[in-house]
Amino acid sequence: MITNLFYGHCAFTAHFGSALFVILMAQVENRTVSILLLCALMGCQAAAITGVQANFVDLAPNFSGPVFSIGNFISATTGLFGPIMVGFIVTEAVSAWKDPYNTFMSGYFRH
């Protein structure tokens, strides 16, 4: 029971905390503040290691390697197609970054 509560708290921090920082990044035009918010976002993502990635071992202890590799493959495809999508959306204007940030933030709320 305590383990599930801990995993749930870590997953909540990883996803909703990160979504909060992405929302704030979309509103800020100062580069220094934007970098600090990005660092805080990555700090929240550290909670995903204990909250989300530990589920692979819980779901299939004997096949955690293959299940983990399939999950990483699906996650890595966003790293491939994400910059391509942002390249089509973003122009030179700073306000053009709000659309990719909002799209990125909506991915956190799908969990």
C-alpha atoms as a PDB file:
ATOM      1  CA  MET A   1       0.000   0.000   0.000  1.00  0.00           C
ATOM      2  CA  ILE A   2       2.738   2.462   0.906  1.00  0.00           C
ATOM      3  CA  THR A   3       4.716   1.495  -2.197  1.00  0.00           C
ATOM      4  CA  ASN A   4       1.729   2.201  -4.460  1.00  0.00           C
ATOM      5  CA  LEU A   5       1.152   5.520  -2.693  1.00  0.00           C
ATOM      6  CA  PHE A   6       4.811   6.435  -3.210  1.00  0.00           C
ATOM      7  CA  TYR A   7       4.709   5.492  -6.905  1.00  0.00           C
ATOM      8  CA  GLY A   8       1.501   7.466  -7.349  1.00  0.00           C
ATOM      9  CA  HIS A   9       2.972  10.541  -5.662  1.00  0.00           C
ATOM     10  CA  CYS A  10       6.104  10.367  -7.824  1.00  0.00           C
ATOM     11  CA  ALA A  11       4.063   9.964 -11.010  1.00  0.00           C
ATOM     12  CA  PHE A  12       1.865  12.921 -10.003  1.00  0.00           C
ATOM     13  CA  THR A  13       4.937  15.081  -9.357  1.00  0.00           C
ATOM     14  CA  ALA A  14       6.547  14.019 -12.620  1.00  0.00           C
ATOM     15  CA  HIS A  15       3.562  14.733 -14.838  1.00  0.00           C
ATOM     16  CA  PHE A  16       1.581  17.539 -13.262  1.00  0.00           C
ATOM     17  CA  GLY A  17       4.621  19.359 -11.879  1.00  0.00           C
ATOM     18  CA  SER A  18       6.235  19.241 -15.291  1.00  0.00           C
ATOM     19  CA  ALA A  19       3.023  20.410 -16.953  1.00  0.00           C
ATOM     20  CA  LEU A  20       2.914  23.385 -14.583  1.00  0.00           C
ATOM     21  CA  PHE A  21       6.453  24.411 -15.522  1.00  0.00           C
ATOM     22  CA  VAL A  22       5.680  24.036 -19.238  1.00  0.00           C
ATOM     23  CA  ILE A  23       2.645  26.297 -18.830  1.00  0.00           C
ATOM     24  CA  LEU A  24       4.837  28.871 -17.099  1.00  0.00           C
ATOM     25  CA  MET A  25       7.509  28.564 -19.809  1.00  0.00           C
ATOM     26  CA  ALA A  26       4.920  29.396 -22.455  1.00  0.00           C
ATOM     27  CA  GLN A  27       4.114  32.662 -20.701  1.00  0.00           C
ATOM     28  CA  VAL A  28       7.673  33.892 -19.979  1.00  0.00           C
ATOM     29  CA  GLU A  29       9.694  35.897 -22.479  1.00  0.00           C
ATOM     30  CA  ASN A  30      12.872  36.253 -20.393  1.00  0.00           C
ATOM     31  CA  ARG A  31      15.527  33.694 -21.388  1.00  0.00           C
ATOM     32  CA  THR A  32      17.018  33.355 -17.903  1.00  0.00           C
ATOM     33  CA  VAL A  33      13.664  32.638 -16.284  1.00  0.00           C
ATOM     34  CA  SER A  34      12.833  30.232 -19.097  1.00  0.00           C
ATOM     35  CA  ILE A  35      16.055  28.286 -18.486  1.00  0.00           C
ATOM     36  CA  LEU A  36      15.361  28.156 -14.742  1.00  0.00           C
ATOM     37  CA  LEU A  37      11.865  26.825 -15.429  1.00  0.00           C
ATOM     38  CA  LEU A  38      13.346  24.213 -17.766  1.00  0.00           C
ATOM     39  CA  CYS A  39      15.727  23.104 -15.006  1.00  0.00           C
ATOM     40  CA  ALA A  40      12.791  22.810 -12.578  1.00  0.00           C
ATOM     41  CA  LEU A  41      10.899  20.802 -15.218  1.00  0.00           C
ATOM     42  CA  MET A  42      13.787  18.358 -15.525  1.00  0.00           C
ATOM     43  CA  GLY A  43      13.896  18.086 -11.738  1.00  0.00           C
ATOM     44  CA  CYS A  44      10.259  17.024 -11.755  1.00  0.00           C
ATOM     45  CA  GLN A  45      11.065  14.479 -14.435  1.00  0.00           C
ATOM     46  CA  ALA A  46      13.470  12.780 -12.012  1.00  0.00           C
ATOM     47  CA  ALA A  47      10.389  11.612 -10.110  1.00  0.00           C
ATOM     48  CA  ALA A  48       9.337   9.660 -13.211  1.00  0.00           C
ATOM     49  CA  ILE A  49      12.145   7.184 -12.614  1.00  0.00           C
ATOM     50  CA  THR A  50      10.580   5.938  -9.385  1.00  0.00           C
ATOM     51  CA  GLY A  51       6.963   6.657 -10.270  1.00  0.00           C
ATOM     52  CA  VAL A  52       6.582   5.551 -13.860  1.00  0.00           C
ATOM     53  CA  GLN A  53       9.564   3.512 -14.962  1.00  0.00           C
ATOM     54  CA  ALA A  54       9.376   1.193 -11.967  1.00  0.00           C
ATOM     55  CA  ASN A  55       6.016   0.001 -13.276  1.00  0.00           C
ATOM     56  CA  PHE A  56       7.728  -2.042 -15.980  1.00  0.00           C
ATOM     57  CA  VAL A  57       9.211  -4.309 -13.329  1.00  0.00           C
ATOM     58  CA  ASP A  58       5.916  -4.446 -11.435  1.00  0.00           C
ATOM     59  CA  LEU A  59       3.864  -5.325 -14.520  1.00  0.00           C
ATOM     60  CA  ALA A  60       6.075  -8.066 -15.927  1.00  0.00           C
ATOM     61  CA  PRO A  61       8.934  -9.065 -13.624  1.00  0.00           C
ATOM     62  CA  ASN A  62      10.116 -11.900 -15.876  1.00  0.00           C
ATOM     63  CA  PHE A  63       9.842  -9.844 -19.070  1.00  0.00           C
ATOM     64  CA  SER A  64      10.723  -6.394 -17.765  1.00  0.00           C
ATOM     65  CA  GLY A  65      13.587  -6.031 -20.263  1.00  0.00           C
ATOM     66  CA  PRO A  66      11.491  -6.438 -23.417  1.00  0.00           C
ATOM     67  CA  VAL A  67       8.593  -4.433 -21.964  1.00  0.00           C
ATOM     68  CA  PHE A  68      10.994  -1.660 -20.938  1.00  0.00           C
ATOM     69  CA  SER A  69      12.554  -1.598 -24.420  1.00  0.00           C
ATOM     70  CA  ILE A  70       9.134  -1.305 -26.073  1.00  0.00           C
ATOM     71  CA  GLY A  71       8.227   1.553 -23.719  1.00  0.00           C
ATOM     72  CA  ASN A  72      11.530   3.309 -24.427  1.00  0.00           C
ATOM     73  CA  PHE A  73      11.026   2.888 -28.170  1.00  0.00           C
ATOM     74  CA  ILE A  74       7.618   4.539 -27.982  1.00  0.00           C
ATOM     75  CA  SER A  75       9.057   7.345 -25.840  1.00  0.00           C
ATOM     76  CA  ALA A  76      12.013   7.853 -28.163  1.00  0.00           C
ATOM     77  CA  THR A  77       9.798   8.364 -31.201  1.00  0.00           C
ATOM     78  CA  THR A  78       8.633  11.644 -29.659  1.00  0.00           C
ATOM     79  CA  GLY A  79      12.265  12.762 -29.626  1.00  0.00           C
ATOM     80  CA  LEU A  80      12.412  12.059 -33.343  1.00  0.00           C
ATOM     81  CA  PHE A  81       9.170  13.657 -34.464  1.00  0.00           C
ATOM     82  CA  GLY A  82       8.957  16.442 -31.875  1.00  0.00           C
ATOM     83  CA  PRO A  83      11.654  18.707 -33.349  1.00  0.00           C
ATOM     84  CA  ILE A  84      10.223  18.202 -36.844  1.00  0.00           C
ATOM     85  CA  MET A  85       6.797  19.317 -35.637  1.00  0.00           C
ATOM     86  CA  VAL A  86       8.244  22.321 -33.797  1.00  0.00           C
ATOM     87  CA  GLY A  87      10.173  23.318 -36.920  1.00  0.00           C
ATOM     88  CA  PHE A  88       6.915  23.603 -38.843  1.00  0.00           C
ATOM     89  CA  ILE A  89       5.147  25.595 -36.122  1.00  0.00           C
ATOM     90  CA  VAL A  90       7.745  28.022 -34.796  1.00  0.00           C
ATOM     91  CA  THR A  91       8.788  31.164 -36.601  1.00  0.00           C
ATOM     92  CA  GLU A  92      11.133  33.887 -35.424  1.00  0.00           C
ATOM     93  CA  ALA A  93       8.513  35.391 -33.102  1.00  0.00           C
ATOM     94  CA  VAL A  94       8.769  34.546 -29.409  1.00  0.00           C
ATOM     95  CA  SER A  95       4.994  34.166 -29.172  1.00  0.00           C
ATOM     96  CA  ALA A  96       5.124  31.314 -31.708  1.00  0.00           C
ATOM     97  CA  TRP A  97       6.638  29.070 -29.024  1.00  0.00           C
ATOM     98  CA  LYS A  98       3.352  29.001 -27.085  1.00  0.00           C
ATOM     99  CA  ASP A  99       1.770  26.447 -29.429  1.00  0.00           C
ATOM    100  CA  PRO A 100       4.537  23.808 -29.070  1.00  0.00           C
ATOM    101  CA  TYR A 101       4.647  24.371 -25.299  1.00  0.00           C
ATOM    102  CA  ASN A 102       0.892  23.906 -25.017  1.00  0.00           C
ATOM    103  CA  THR A 103       1.057  20.755 -27.159  1.00  0.00           C
ATOM    104  CA  PHE A 104       3.920  19.472 -25.014  1.00  0.00           C
ATOM    105  CA  MET A 105       1.976  20.244 -21.843  1.00  0.00           C
ATOM    106  CA  SER A 106      -1.109  18.403 -23.079  1.00  0.00           C
ATOM    107  CA  GLY A 107       1.003  15.244 -23.312  1.00  0.00           C
ATOM    108  CA  TYR A 108       1.490  15.319 -19.550  1.00  0.00           C
ATOM    109  CA  PHE A 109      -2.243  15.374 -18.919  1.00  0.00           C
ATOM    110  CA  ARG A 110      -2.885  12.249 -21.003  1.00  0.00           C
ATOM    111  CA  HIS A 111      -1.745  10.095 -18.085  1.00  0.00           C
END
